[in-house]
Amino acid sequence: KNYKLIKDINLTWQESWTPIGTESKPFSGSFDGNGHSIKIAISENKDQMGIYEEGLFGYVTGDISNLTVNGTINVKLYSGYVGAIVANMEDGTILNCTSNVAVIAETTNNTLHVGGIAGAVRSSAKAAVLVDGAVNNGTITVKGTTTESTVDSLGAGTKGGSVGGIVGFVANESGIN
């Protein structure tokens, strides 16, 4: 499905935010912000063993464009992905998007990928991810604690951590302009 924003939205009244799209049901459509903004205030504490995705969008295989996201993300996660606009993207595009989000992310397992726009982007054999015209005016603070872990217990691609102003973790043939 395709969506086009026709006015600014304030989501800060949400007590708990469920990101749009999961790995089992990714957002696979097109979201055109149409030059408008969405204001968020995400605050979550998920320190039980698991891989979590936090952001406006959780797991995306589609396209996000012409969107500004304002607000805050303050999360404590066992491990996972945090991005102001997209937590985790596979085979999609992020075009002409801006983040004015203050991101504070803490991990209890030192396995967190955090980005001002996207926590992680990766491509499969089907297509490449493209991030172009993205601007991050927000701040990023990441805190971690040391624990023992193995790659097998965390899943492929989540051992360790990474932080980036635009994208935290880039895998395979992803393009960032």
C-alpha atoms as a PDB file:
ATOM      1  CA  LYS A   1       0.000   0.000   0.000  1.00  0.00           C
ATOM      2  CA  ASN A   2       1.023   3.583  -0.619  1.00  0.00           C
ATOM      3  CA  TYR A   3       0.543   6.465   1.807  1.00  0.00           C
ATOM      4  CA  LYS A   4       0.890  10.246   1.465  1.00  0.00           C
ATOM      5  CA  LEU A   5       0.920  12.554   4.480  1.00  0.00           C
ATOM      6  CA  ILE A   6      -1.377  15.560   4.008  1.00  0.00           C
ATOM      7  CA  LYS A   7      -0.603  17.405   7.267  1.00  0.00           C
ATOM      8  CA  ASP A   8       1.795  17.374  10.199  1.00  0.00           C
ATOM      9  CA  ILE A   9       1.106  14.746  12.885  1.00  0.00           C
ATOM     10  CA  ASN A  10       1.921  14.875  16.608  1.00  0.00           C
ATOM     11  CA  LEU A  11       2.261  11.392  18.142  1.00  0.00           C
ATOM     12  CA  THR A  12       3.785  12.492  21.448  1.00  0.00           C
ATOM     13  CA  TRP A  13       0.544  11.707  23.286  1.00  0.00           C
ATOM     14  CA  GLN A  14       1.081   7.960  22.663  1.00  0.00           C
ATOM     15  CA  GLU A  15       1.910   6.222  25.941  1.00  0.00           C
ATOM     16  CA  SER A  16       3.586   3.342  24.129  1.00  0.00           C
ATOM     17  CA  TRP A  17       4.678   3.290  20.507  1.00  0.00           C
ATOM     18  CA  THR A  18       4.625   0.207  18.307  1.00  0.00           C
ATOM     19  CA  PRO A  19       6.902   0.885  15.321  1.00  0.00           C
ATOM     20  CA  ILE A  20       5.350   0.513  11.870  1.00  0.00           C
ATOM     21  CA  GLY A  21       6.451  -2.863  10.440  1.00  0.00           C
ATOM     22  CA  THR A  22       8.087  -5.918  11.966  1.00  0.00           C
ATOM     23  CA  GLU A  23      10.479  -8.476  10.529  1.00  0.00           C
ATOM     24  CA  SER A  24       7.587 -10.909  10.050  1.00  0.00           C
ATOM     25  CA  LYS A  25       5.283  -8.168   8.645  1.00  0.00           C
ATOM     26  CA  PRO A  26       7.522  -5.424   7.247  1.00  0.00           C
ATOM     27  CA  PHE A  27       6.248  -2.115   5.943  1.00  0.00           C
ATOM     28  CA  SER A  28       6.593  -2.822   2.217  1.00  0.00           C
ATOM     29  CA  GLY A  29       4.684   0.066   0.692  1.00  0.00           C
ATOM     30  CA  SER A  30       5.533   3.642  -0.103  1.00  0.00           C
ATOM     31  CA  PHE A  31       5.275   6.433   2.482  1.00  0.00           C
ATOM     32  CA  ASP A  32       5.546   9.959   1.066  1.00  0.00           C
ATOM     33  CA  GLY A  33       5.778  12.556   3.818  1.00  0.00           C
ATOM     34  CA  ASN A  34       4.892  15.187   1.217  1.00  0.00           C
ATOM     35  CA  GLY A  35       7.085  17.759   3.004  1.00  0.00           C
ATOM     36  CA  HIS A  36       5.259  17.307   6.315  1.00  0.00           C
ATOM     37  CA  SER A  37       6.526  16.239   9.733  1.00  0.00           C
ATOM     38  CA  ILE A  38       5.717  13.674  12.405  1.00  0.00           C
ATOM     39  CA  LYS A  39       6.583  14.403  16.042  1.00  0.00           C
ATOM     40  CA  ILE A  40       7.421  11.380  18.218  1.00  0.00           C
ATOM     41  CA  ALA A  41       8.250  10.725  21.875  1.00  0.00           C
ATOM     42  CA  ILE A  42       9.320   7.080  22.117  1.00  0.00           C
ATOM     43  CA  SER A  43      10.311   5.780  25.546  1.00  0.00           C
ATOM     44  CA  GLU A  44      10.771   2.023  25.999  1.00  0.00           C
ATOM     45  CA  ASN A  45      12.520  -0.315  28.427  1.00  0.00           C
ATOM     46  CA  LYS A  46      13.017  -3.759  26.846  1.00  0.00           C
ATOM     47  CA  ASP A  47      15.981  -5.269  28.620  1.00  0.00           C
ATOM     48  CA  GLN A  48      14.774  -8.886  28.472  1.00  0.00           C
ATOM     49  CA  MET A  49      16.742 -11.098  26.052  1.00  0.00           C
ATOM     50  CA  GLY A  50      15.667 -10.305  22.481  1.00  0.00           C
ATOM     51  CA  ILE A  51      16.400  -8.203  19.427  1.00  0.00           C
ATOM     52  CA  TYR A  52      14.217  -5.087  19.305  1.00  0.00           C
ATOM     53  CA  GLU A  53      13.533  -2.396  16.709  1.00  0.00           C
ATOM     54  CA  GLU A  54      12.671   1.153  17.797  1.00  0.00           C
ATOM     55  CA  GLY A  55      11.864   4.160  15.634  1.00  0.00           C
ATOM     56  CA  LEU A  56       8.903   5.612  13.771  1.00  0.00           C
ATOM     57  CA  PHE A  57       9.186   2.608  11.431  1.00  0.00           C
ATOM     58  CA  GLY A  58      10.460  -0.714  12.778  1.00  0.00           C
ATOM     59  CA  TYR A  59      11.238  -2.995   9.817  1.00  0.00           C
ATOM     60  CA  VAL A  60      10.930  -1.658   6.272  1.00  0.00           C
ATOM     61  CA  THR A  61      11.266  -3.236   2.826  1.00  0.00           C
ATOM     62  CA  GLY A  62       9.524  -0.338   1.059  1.00  0.00           C
ATOM     63  CA  ASP A  63      10.181   3.337   0.434  1.00  0.00           C
ATOM     64  CA  ILE A  64      10.099   6.377   2.734  1.00  0.00           C
ATOM     65  CA  SER A  65      10.443   9.865   1.248  1.00  0.00           C
ATOM     66  CA  ASN A  66      10.039  13.607   1.858  1.00  0.00           C
ATOM     67  CA  LEU A  67       9.500  13.238   5.609  1.00  0.00           C
ATOM     68  CA  THR A  68      10.759  15.160   8.644  1.00  0.00           C
ATOM     69  CA  VAL A  69      10.644  13.482  12.057  1.00  0.00           C
ATOM     70  CA  ASN A  70      10.944  15.607  15.213  1.00  0.00           C
ATOM     71  CA  GLY A  71      11.034  14.639  18.889  1.00  0.00           C
ATOM     72  CA  THR A  72      12.786  12.173  21.155  1.00  0.00           C
ATOM     73  CA  ILE A  73      13.668   8.492  21.418  1.00  0.00           C
ATOM     74  CA  ASN A  74      14.803   7.267  24.825  1.00  0.00           C
ATOM     75  CA  VAL A  75      15.168   3.477  24.944  1.00  0.00           C
ATOM     76  CA  LYS A  76      16.892   0.760  26.941  1.00  0.00           C
ATOM     77  CA  LEU A  77      17.128  -2.455  24.911  1.00  0.00           C
ATOM     78  CA  TYR A  78      18.797  -5.821  25.392  1.00  0.00           C
ATOM     79  CA  SER A  79      19.950  -5.567  21.762  1.00  0.00           C
ATOM     80  CA  GLY A  80      18.655  -4.372  18.422  1.00  0.00           C
ATOM     81  CA  TYR A  81      18.242  -1.397  16.145  1.00  0.00           C
ATOM     82  CA  VAL A  82      17.297   2.236  16.781  1.00  0.00           C
ATOM     83  CA  GLY A  83      16.705   4.884  14.126  1.00  0.00           C
ATOM     84  CA  ALA A  84      14.678   8.079  14.260  1.00  0.00           C
ATOM     85  CA  ILE A  85      12.904   7.235  11.003  1.00  0.00           C
ATOM     86  CA  VAL A  86      13.647   3.526  10.407  1.00  0.00           C
ATOM     87  CA  ALA A  87      15.079   1.016  12.875  1.00  0.00           C
ATOM     88  CA  ASN A  88      15.948  -1.662  10.288  1.00  0.00           C
ATOM     89  CA  MET A  89      15.593  -1.486   6.484  1.00  0.00           C
ATOM     90  CA  GLU A  90      16.074  -4.205   3.889  1.00  0.00           C
ATOM     91  CA  ASP A  91      15.775  -3.618   0.130  1.00  0.00           C
ATOM     92  CA  GLY A  92      14.103  -0.206   0.383  1.00  0.00           C
ATOM     93  CA  THR A  93      14.841   3.486  -0.028  1.00  0.00           C
ATOM     94  CA  ILE A  94      14.977   6.535   2.199  1.00  0.00           C
ATOM     95  CA  LEU A  95      14.878   9.702   0.099  1.00  0.00           C
ATOM     96  CA  ASN A  96      14.945  13.365   1.180  1.00  0.00           C
ATOM     97  CA  CYS A  97      14.186  12.707   4.848  1.00  0.00           C
ATOM     98  CA  THR A  98      15.262  14.775   7.859  1.00  0.00           C
ATOM     99  CA  SER A  99      15.589  13.856  11.522  1.00  0.00           C
ATOM    100  CA  ASN A 100      15.390  16.442  14.299  1.00  0.00           C
ATOM    101  CA  VAL A 101      15.248  13.711  16.940  1.00  0.00           C
ATOM    102  CA  ALA A 102      17.306  13.466  20.123  1.00  0.00           C
ATOM    103  CA  VAL A 103      18.135   9.755  20.401  1.00  0.00           C
ATOM    104  CA  ILE A 104      19.257   8.232  23.693  1.00  0.00           C
ATOM    105  CA  ALA A 105      19.799   4.475  23.461  1.00  0.00           C
ATOM    106  CA  GLU A 106      21.146   2.127  26.090  1.00  0.00           C
ATOM    107  CA  THR A 107      21.973  -1.541  25.669  1.00  0.00           C
ATOM    108  CA  THR A 108      22.406  -4.119  28.374  1.00  0.00           C
ATOM    109  CA  ASN A 109      24.278  -6.387  25.957  1.00  0.00           C
ATOM    110  CA  ASN A 110      26.515  -4.085  23.831  1.00  0.00           C
ATOM    111  CA  THR A 111      24.710  -5.179  20.665  1.00  0.00           C
ATOM    112  CA  LEU A 112      22.948  -2.080  19.408  1.00  0.00           C
ATOM    113  CA  HIS A 113      22.975  -0.371  16.002  1.00  0.00           C
ATOM    114  CA  VAL A 114      21.900   3.265  16.216  1.00  0.00           C
ATOM    115  CA  GLY A 115      21.541   5.878  13.482  1.00  0.00           C
ATOM    116  CA  GLY A 116      20.083   9.356  13.222  1.00  0.00           C
ATOM    117  CA  ILE A 117      18.001   8.273  10.208  1.00  0.00           C
ATOM    118  CA  ALA A 118      18.232   4.438  10.240  1.00  0.00           C
ATOM    119  CA  GLY A 119      19.682   1.971  12.737  1.00  0.00           C
ATOM    120  CA  ALA A 120      20.648  -0.471   9.971  1.00  0.00           C
ATOM    121  CA  VAL A 121      20.278  -0.847   6.217  1.00  0.00           C
ATOM    122  CA  ARG A 122      20.942  -4.069   4.363  1.00  0.00           C
ATOM    123  CA  SER A 123      20.261  -5.503   0.964  1.00  0.00           C
ATOM    124  CA  SER A 124      19.357  -9.014  -0.034  1.00  0.00           C
ATOM    125  CA  ALA A 125      20.037 -10.618  -3.389  1.00  0.00           C
ATOM    126  CA  LYS A 126      16.840  -8.941  -4.711  1.00  0.00           C
ATOM    127  CA  ALA A 127      17.775  -5.270  -4.505  1.00  0.00           C
ATOM    128  CA  ALA A 128      20.039  -2.696  -2.915  1.00  0.00           C
ATOM    129  CA  VAL A 129      19.077  -0.196  -0.241  1.00  0.00           C
ATOM    130  CA  LEU A 130      19.467   3.469  -1.129  1.00  0.00           C
ATOM    131  CA  VAL A 131      19.632   6.364   1.329  1.00  0.00           C
ATOM    132  CA  ASP A 132      19.885   9.711  -0.447  1.00  0.00           C
ATOM    133  CA  GLY A 133      19.246  13.313   0.562  1.00  0.00           C
ATOM    134  CA  ALA A 134      19.004  12.390   4.262  1.00  0.00           C
ATOM    135  CA  VAL A 135      19.842  14.972   6.932  1.00  0.00           C
ATOM    136  CA  ASN A 136      20.265  14.365  10.653  1.00  0.00           C
ATOM    137  CA  ASN A 137      20.035  17.484  12.815  1.00  0.00           C
ATOM    138  CA  GLY A 138      19.373  15.437  15.952  1.00  0.00           C
ATOM    139  CA  THR A 139      21.716  14.199  18.636  1.00  0.00           C
ATOM    140  CA  ILE A 140      22.711  10.608  19.423  1.00  0.00           C
ATOM    141  CA  THR A 141      23.789   9.291  22.818  1.00  0.00           C
ATOM    142  CA  VAL A 142      24.529   5.576  23.247  1.00  0.00           C
ATOM    143  CA  LYS A 143      25.293   3.829  26.521  1.00  0.00           C
ATOM    144  CA  GLY A 144      26.386   0.201  26.884  1.00  0.00           C
ATOM    145  CA  THR A 145      27.290  -2.334  29.535  1.00  0.00           C
ATOM    146  CA  THR A 146      29.523  -5.340  29.105  1.00  0.00           C
ATOM    147  CA  THR A 147      28.127  -8.882  29.196  1.00  0.00           C
ATOM    148  CA  GLU A 148      29.176 -12.229  27.759  1.00  0.00           C
ATOM    149  CA  SER A 149      27.465 -13.171  24.492  1.00  0.00           C
ATOM    150  CA  THR A 150      27.901 -15.213  21.340  1.00  0.00           C
ATOM    151  CA  VAL A 151      26.933 -14.594  17.742  1.00  0.00           C
ATOM    152  CA  ASP A 152      24.699 -17.693  17.793  1.00  0.00           C
ATOM    153  CA  SER A 153      22.647 -16.419  20.720  1.00  0.00           C
ATOM    154  CA  LEU A 154      22.049 -12.999  19.149  1.00  0.00           C
ATOM    155  CA  GLY A 155      21.380 -13.760  15.487  1.00  0.00           C
ATOM    156  CA  ALA A 156      23.330 -12.879  12.378  1.00  0.00           C
ATOM    157  CA  GLY A 157      24.539  -9.302  12.126  1.00  0.00           C
ATOM    158  CA  THR A 158      23.935  -8.205  15.704  1.00  0.00           C
ATOM    159  CA  LYS A 159      27.203  -9.064  17.443  1.00  0.00           C
ATOM    160  CA  GLY A 160      28.839  -5.846  18.515  1.00  0.00           C
ATOM    161  CA  GLY A 161      27.366  -2.444  17.904  1.00  0.00           C
ATOM    162  CA  SER A 162      27.599   0.583  15.684  1.00  0.00           C
ATOM    163  CA  VAL A 163      26.556   4.227  15.669  1.00  0.00           C
ATOM    164  CA  GLY A 164      26.243   6.643  12.761  1.00  0.00           C
ATOM    165  CA  GLY A 165      24.847  10.116  12.210  1.00  0.00           C
ATOM    166  CA  ILE A 166      22.771   8.927   9.225  1.00  0.00           C
ATOM    167  CA  VAL A 167      22.949   5.085   9.391  1.00  0.00           C
ATOM    168  CA  GLY A 168      24.355   3.032  12.252  1.00  0.00           C
ATOM    169  CA  PHE A 169      25.095  -0.212  10.372  1.00  0.00           C
ATOM    170  CA  VAL A 170      25.443  -0.753   6.607  1.00  0.00           C
ATOM    171  CA  ALA A 171      25.504  -4.288   5.182  1.00  0.00           C
ATOM    172  CA  ASN A 172      25.866  -5.812   1.723  1.00  0.00           C
ATOM    173  CA  GLU A 173      25.350  -3.524  -1.278  1.00  0.00           C
ATOM    174  CA  SER A 174      23.646  -0.616   0.402  1.00  0.00           C
ATOM    175  CA  GLY A 175      24.228   2.890  -0.918  1.00  0.00           C
ATOM    176  CA  ILE A 176      24.430   6.044   1.190  1.00  0.00           C
ATOM    177  CA  ASN A 177      24.661   9.392  -0.618  1.00  0.00           C
END
